[in-house]
Amino acid sequence: MIKKKSARFYKINKRDGKNNTWTYFVPGQNANSVRLEAEQDYVATEVTVDDWREVSVGLDHDGVYFSAMIDGQEWTFRQGAEGYSYLTAYLGPEYDKANRIYLS
């Protein structure tokens, strides 16, 4: 891990037409931007503010990733995941340093 920095996280609750429900967490700038990224056709989406969480920048064979502990569980965010673009911008210097190491 390279460095840790706090980022705001949002809790996303979803429910589909068959009444299946699921919950997950996403970092983001605000609830509206998180909602836009999370919305799906025919799925009810509720976004609420969760908390500020410490985010680590890490490296492995797949490249740069971010991780955070939420309710005792490690959540990882890799390229293509909801919130990854936000973390890349928010943790710009830390991301750039990790990416340079990965590419070298």
N, C-alpha and C. Protein backbone atom coordinates (compact mmCIF):
# COMPACT_ATOMS: atom_id res chain seq x y z
N MET A 1 0.84 -1.18 0.00
CA MET A 1 0.00 0.00 0.00
C MET A 1 0.88 1.25 0.00
N ILE A 2 0.44 2.25 -0.71
CA ILE A 2 1.24 3.45 -0.84
C ILE A 2 0.87 4.51 0.19
N LYS A 3 -0.38 4.88 0.27
CA LYS A 3 -0.79 5.92 1.19
C LYS A 3 -2.27 5.79 1.46
N LYS A 4 -2.68 6.30 2.61
CA LYS A 4 -4.10 6.28 2.96
C LYS A 4 -4.62 7.71 3.03
N LYS A 5 -5.87 7.87 2.59
CA LYS A 5 -6.52 9.17 2.63
C LYS A 5 -8.01 8.92 2.79
N SER A 6 -8.70 9.80 3.50
CA SER A 6 -10.14 9.62 3.71
C SER A 6 -10.94 10.07 2.49
N ALA A 7 -12.00 9.31 2.21
CA ALA A 7 -12.93 9.65 1.14
C ALA A 7 -14.35 9.39 1.63
N ARG A 8 -15.30 10.13 1.11
CA ARG A 8 -16.70 9.95 1.51
C ARG A 8 -17.28 8.76 0.76
N PHE A 9 -18.02 7.93 1.50
CA PHE A 9 -18.67 6.76 0.93
C PHE A 9 -20.17 6.87 1.04
N TYR A 10 -20.84 6.20 0.14
CA TYR A 10 -22.30 6.17 0.09
C TYR A 10 -22.76 4.72 0.12
N LYS A 11 -23.87 4.51 0.78
CA LYS A 11 -24.49 3.19 0.85
C LYS A 11 -25.56 3.13 -0.23
N ILE A 12 -25.52 2.08 -1.04
CA ILE A 12 -26.48 1.93 -2.13
C ILE A 12 -27.33 0.70 -1.84
N ASN A 13 -28.63 0.91 -1.78
CA ASN A 13 -29.61 -0.17 -1.63
C ASN A 13 -30.36 -0.29 -2.94
N LYS A 14 -30.44 -1.52 -3.46
CA LYS A 14 -31.16 -1.76 -4.71
C LYS A 14 -32.22 -2.83 -4.52
N ARG A 15 -33.28 -2.70 -5.32
CA ARG A 15 -34.37 -3.69 -5.31
C ARG A 15 -34.88 -3.83 -6.74
N ASP A 16 -34.94 -5.09 -7.20
CA ASP A 16 -35.43 -5.31 -8.56
C ASP A 16 -36.91 -5.68 -8.56
N GLY A 17 -37.46 -5.93 -9.73
CA GLY A 17 -38.88 -6.23 -9.88
C GLY A 17 -39.31 -7.54 -9.24
N LYS A 18 -38.37 -8.41 -8.93
CA LYS A 18 -38.68 -9.68 -8.27
C LYS A 18 -38.50 -9.57 -6.76
N ASN A 19 -38.31 -8.34 -6.29
CA ASN A 19 -38.12 -8.03 -4.87
C ASN A 19 -36.81 -8.56 -4.30
N ASN A 20 -35.83 -8.84 -5.17
CA ASN A 20 -34.47 -9.16 -4.70
C ASN A 20 -33.82 -7.85 -4.28
N THR A 21 -33.11 -7.87 -3.16
CA THR A 21 -32.45 -6.66 -2.68
C THR A 21 -30.97 -6.93 -2.48
N TRP A 22 -30.17 -5.88 -2.62
CA TRP A 22 -28.75 -5.97 -2.34
C TRP A 22 -28.23 -4.58 -1.97
N THR A 23 -27.16 -4.60 -1.20
CA THR A 23 -26.56 -3.37 -0.67
C THR A 23 -25.06 -3.41 -0.92
N TYR A 24 -24.50 -2.26 -1.27
CA TYR A 24 -23.05 -2.15 -1.39
C TYR A 24 -22.65 -0.70 -1.15
N PHE A 25 -21.36 -0.45 -1.10
CA PHE A 25 -20.83 0.87 -0.78
C PHE A 25 -19.96 1.37 -1.92
N VAL A 26 -20.04 2.69 -2.16
CA VAL A 26 -19.29 3.30 -3.25
C VAL A 26 -18.76 4.66 -2.78
N PRO A 27 -17.50 4.97 -3.09
CA PRO A 27 -17.01 6.32 -2.81
C PRO A 27 -17.51 7.27 -3.88
N GLY A 28 -17.68 8.53 -3.51
CA GLY A 28 -18.12 9.50 -4.50
C GLY A 28 -18.12 10.92 -3.98
N GLN A 29 -18.23 11.85 -4.92
CA GLN A 29 -18.21 13.26 -4.58
C GLN A 29 -19.50 13.69 -3.91
N ASN A 30 -20.64 13.21 -4.42
CA ASN A 30 -21.93 13.56 -3.83
C ASN A 30 -22.95 12.47 -4.19
N ALA A 31 -24.09 12.50 -3.51
CA ALA A 31 -25.10 11.46 -3.70
C ALA A 31 -25.63 11.44 -5.13
N ASN A 32 -25.77 12.59 -5.76
CA ASN A 32 -26.29 12.63 -7.13
C ASN A 32 -25.36 11.95 -8.11
N SER A 33 -24.05 12.22 -8.02
CA SER A 33 -23.11 11.58 -8.94
C SER A 33 -23.05 10.07 -8.71
N VAL A 34 -23.13 9.64 -7.45
CA VAL A 34 -23.13 8.21 -7.14
C VAL A 34 -24.41 7.57 -7.70
N ARG A 35 -25.54 8.23 -7.52
CA ARG A 35 -26.81 7.70 -8.02
C ARG A 35 -26.78 7.53 -9.54
N LEU A 36 -26.25 8.52 -10.25
CA LEU A 36 -26.18 8.43 -11.71
C LEU A 36 -25.34 7.24 -12.16
N GLU A 37 -24.26 6.97 -11.46
CA GLU A 37 -23.40 5.84 -11.81
C GLU A 37 -24.04 4.50 -11.44
N ALA A 38 -24.85 4.49 -10.39
CA ALA A 38 -25.41 3.24 -9.87
C ALA A 38 -26.75 2.85 -10.49
N GLU A 39 -27.46 3.80 -11.06
CA GLU A 39 -28.81 3.50 -11.55
C GLU A 39 -28.80 2.48 -12.68
N GLN A 40 -29.82 1.63 -12.66
CA GLN A 40 -30.05 0.63 -13.70
C GLN A 40 -31.52 0.66 -14.07
N ASP A 41 -31.82 0.27 -15.30
CA ASP A 41 -33.23 0.17 -15.71
C ASP A 41 -33.92 -0.90 -14.87
N TYR A 42 -35.13 -0.61 -14.46
CA TYR A 42 -36.00 -1.54 -13.74
C TYR A 42 -35.47 -1.97 -12.38
N VAL A 43 -34.59 -1.17 -11.78
CA VAL A 43 -34.06 -1.45 -10.45
C VAL A 43 -34.18 -0.18 -9.62
N ALA A 44 -34.91 -0.27 -8.50
CA ALA A 44 -35.03 0.88 -7.60
C ALA A 44 -33.69 1.07 -6.89
N THR A 45 -33.20 2.30 -6.88
CA THR A 45 -31.90 2.59 -6.30
C THR A 45 -32.05 3.70 -5.26
N GLU A 46 -31.58 3.41 -4.05
CA GLU A 46 -31.58 4.40 -2.98
C GLU A 46 -30.13 4.64 -2.55
N VAL A 47 -29.73 5.89 -2.51
CA VAL A 47 -28.36 6.26 -2.13
C VAL A 47 -28.42 7.11 -0.88
N THR A 48 -27.66 6.71 0.15
CA THR A 48 -27.57 7.49 1.37
C THR A 48 -26.10 7.68 1.74
N VAL A 49 -25.82 8.76 2.45
CA VAL A 49 -24.46 9.01 2.91
C VAL A 49 -24.10 7.95 3.95
N ASP A 50 -22.95 7.35 3.79
CA ASP A 50 -22.47 6.37 4.77
C ASP A 50 -21.54 7.06 5.75
N ASP A 51 -20.28 7.27 5.36
CA ASP A 51 -19.30 7.86 6.28
C ASP A 51 -18.03 8.15 5.50
N TRP A 52 -17.12 8.86 6.15
CA TRP A 52 -15.78 9.03 5.61
C TRP A 52 -15.00 7.77 5.96
N ARG A 53 -14.31 7.22 4.99
CA ARG A 53 -13.53 5.99 5.18
C ARG A 53 -12.10 6.23 4.71
N GLU A 54 -11.17 5.58 5.38
CA GLU A 54 -9.78 5.65 4.97
C GLU A 54 -9.58 4.73 3.77
N VAL A 55 -9.00 5.28 2.71
CA VAL A 55 -8.79 4.53 1.48
C VAL A 55 -7.29 4.33 1.27
N SER A 56 -6.92 3.10 0.93
CA SER A 56 -5.52 2.78 0.61
C SER A 56 -5.38 2.59 -0.89
N VAL A 57 -4.21 2.95 -1.39
CA VAL A 57 -3.88 2.72 -2.79
C VAL A 57 -2.94 1.53 -2.83
N GLY A 58 -3.27 0.53 -3.62
CA GLY A 58 -2.45 -0.68 -3.68
C GLY A 58 -2.09 -1.06 -5.10
N LEU A 59 -1.17 -1.99 -5.21
CA LEU A 59 -0.70 -2.50 -6.50
C LEU A 59 -0.69 -4.02 -6.47
N ASP A 60 -1.08 -4.62 -7.57
CA ASP A 60 -0.88 -6.05 -7.74
C ASP A 60 -0.68 -6.32 -9.23
N HIS A 61 -0.72 -7.57 -9.65
CA HIS A 61 -0.45 -7.90 -11.04
C HIS A 61 -1.47 -7.30 -12.01
N ASP A 62 -2.64 -6.89 -11.54
CA ASP A 62 -3.67 -6.28 -12.39
C ASP A 62 -3.57 -4.76 -12.45
N GLY A 63 -2.68 -4.16 -11.66
CA GLY A 63 -2.52 -2.71 -11.68
C GLY A 63 -2.89 -2.06 -10.36
N VAL A 64 -3.28 -0.80 -10.44
CA VAL A 64 -3.59 0.00 -9.26
C VAL A 64 -5.02 -0.30 -8.82
N TYR A 65 -5.20 -0.43 -7.52
CA TYR A 65 -6.55 -0.60 -6.96
C TYR A 65 -6.64 0.20 -5.67
N PHE A 66 -7.86 0.41 -5.22
CA PHE A 66 -8.12 1.11 -3.97
C PHE A 66 -8.84 0.15 -3.04
N SER A 67 -8.63 0.32 -1.74
CA SER A 67 -9.35 -0.51 -0.78
C SER A 67 -9.73 0.31 0.44
N ALA A 68 -10.81 -0.14 1.10
CA ALA A 68 -11.30 0.53 2.30
C ALA A 68 -11.96 -0.52 3.18
N MET A 69 -11.86 -0.33 4.49
CA MET A 69 -12.54 -1.21 5.44
C MET A 69 -13.91 -0.61 5.74
N ILE A 70 -14.95 -1.42 5.55
CA ILE A 70 -16.31 -1.00 5.83
C ILE A 70 -16.97 -2.09 6.65
N ASP A 71 -17.37 -1.75 7.85
CA ASP A 71 -18.02 -2.71 8.76
C ASP A 71 -17.19 -3.98 8.92
N GLY A 72 -15.88 -3.81 9.06
CA GLY A 72 -14.98 -4.94 9.30
C GLY A 72 -14.64 -5.77 8.08
N GLN A 73 -15.08 -5.35 6.91
CA GLN A 73 -14.81 -6.09 5.67
C GLN A 73 -14.04 -5.21 4.71
N GLU A 74 -13.03 -5.76 4.05
CA GLU A 74 -12.27 -4.99 3.08
C GLU A 74 -13.00 -4.97 1.74
N TRP A 75 -13.23 -3.77 1.23
CA TRP A 75 -13.84 -3.57 -0.08
C TRP A 75 -12.77 -3.07 -1.02
N THR A 76 -12.67 -3.67 -2.20
CA THR A 76 -11.68 -3.22 -3.17
C THR A 76 -12.38 -2.63 -4.39
N PHE A 77 -11.73 -1.64 -4.97
CA PHE A 77 -12.25 -0.94 -6.13
C PHE A 77 -11.17 -0.96 -7.21
N ARG A 78 -11.46 -1.68 -8.28
CA ARG A 78 -10.53 -1.82 -9.40
C ARG A 78 -11.09 -1.09 -10.61
N GLN A 79 -10.24 -0.92 -11.61
CA GLN A 79 -10.65 -0.22 -12.82
C GLN A 79 -11.95 -0.81 -13.35
N GLY A 80 -12.90 0.06 -13.66
CA GLY A 80 -14.21 -0.36 -14.16
C GLY A 80 -15.27 -0.42 -13.08
N ALA A 81 -14.87 -0.44 -11.81
CA ALA A 81 -15.83 -0.50 -10.71
C ALA A 81 -16.44 0.87 -10.45
N GLU A 82 -17.67 0.88 -9.94
CA GLU A 82 -18.28 2.14 -9.53
C GLU A 82 -17.37 2.79 -8.49
N GLY A 83 -17.14 4.08 -8.64
CA GLY A 83 -16.32 4.82 -7.69
C GLY A 83 -14.84 4.87 -8.02
N TYR A 84 -14.38 4.01 -8.95
CA TYR A 84 -12.95 3.98 -9.27
C TYR A 84 -12.48 5.29 -9.89
N SER A 85 -13.25 5.82 -10.83
CA SER A 85 -12.87 7.08 -11.48
C SER A 85 -12.80 8.22 -10.46
N TYR A 86 -13.77 8.25 -9.55
CA TYR A 86 -13.75 9.27 -8.50
C TYR A 86 -12.48 9.16 -7.67
N LEU A 87 -12.13 7.95 -7.24
CA LEU A 87 -10.94 7.77 -6.41
C LEU A 87 -9.67 8.12 -7.18
N THR A 88 -9.63 7.80 -8.46
CA THR A 88 -8.47 8.14 -9.29
C THR A 88 -8.26 9.65 -9.31
N ALA A 89 -9.35 10.41 -9.45
CA ALA A 89 -9.24 11.87 -9.46
C ALA A 89 -8.96 12.42 -8.07
N TYR A 90 -9.68 11.90 -7.07
CA TYR A 90 -9.57 12.41 -5.70
C TYR A 90 -8.19 12.13 -5.10
N LEU A 91 -7.66 10.97 -5.40
CA LEU A 91 -6.34 10.57 -4.90
C LEU A 91 -5.30 10.66 -6.01
N GLY A 92 -5.40 11.70 -6.82
CA GLY A 92 -4.56 11.87 -8.00
C GLY A 92 -3.08 11.64 -7.79
N PRO A 93 -2.41 12.36 -6.87
CA PRO A 93 -0.97 12.16 -6.68
C PRO A 93 -0.63 10.74 -6.22
N GLU A 94 -1.44 10.19 -5.34
CA GLU A 94 -1.20 8.84 -4.85
C GLU A 94 -1.40 7.82 -5.97
N TYR A 95 -2.46 8.03 -6.77
CA TYR A 95 -2.72 7.14 -7.91
C TYR A 95 -1.57 7.22 -8.91
N ASP A 96 -1.15 8.44 -9.25
CA ASP A 96 -0.07 8.62 -10.22
C ASP A 96 1.20 7.92 -9.78
N LYS A 97 1.54 8.04 -8.50
CA LYS A 97 2.74 7.38 -7.97
C LYS A 97 2.63 5.86 -8.11
N ALA A 98 1.49 5.32 -7.73
CA ALA A 98 1.29 3.87 -7.83
C ALA A 98 1.32 3.42 -9.28
N ASN A 99 0.72 4.19 -10.17
CA ASN A 99 0.69 3.83 -11.58
C ASN A 99 2.08 3.86 -12.19
N ARG A 100 2.90 4.83 -11.81
CA ARG A 100 4.30 4.89 -12.30
C ARG A 100 5.06 3.65 -11.86
N ILE A 101 4.86 3.24 -10.62
CA ILE A 101 5.54 2.03 -10.11
C ILE A 101 5.07 0.81 -10.89
N TYR A 102 3.76 0.72 -11.12
CA TYR A 102 3.21 -0.43 -11.85
C TYR A 102 3.77 -0.50 -13.28
N LEU A 103 3.87 0.66 -13.94
CA LEU A 103 4.31 0.70 -15.32
C LEU A 103 5.82 0.54 -15.49
N SER A 104 6.57 0.71 -14.40
CA SER A 104 8.04 0.62 -14.53
C SER A 104 8.55 -0.81 -14.52
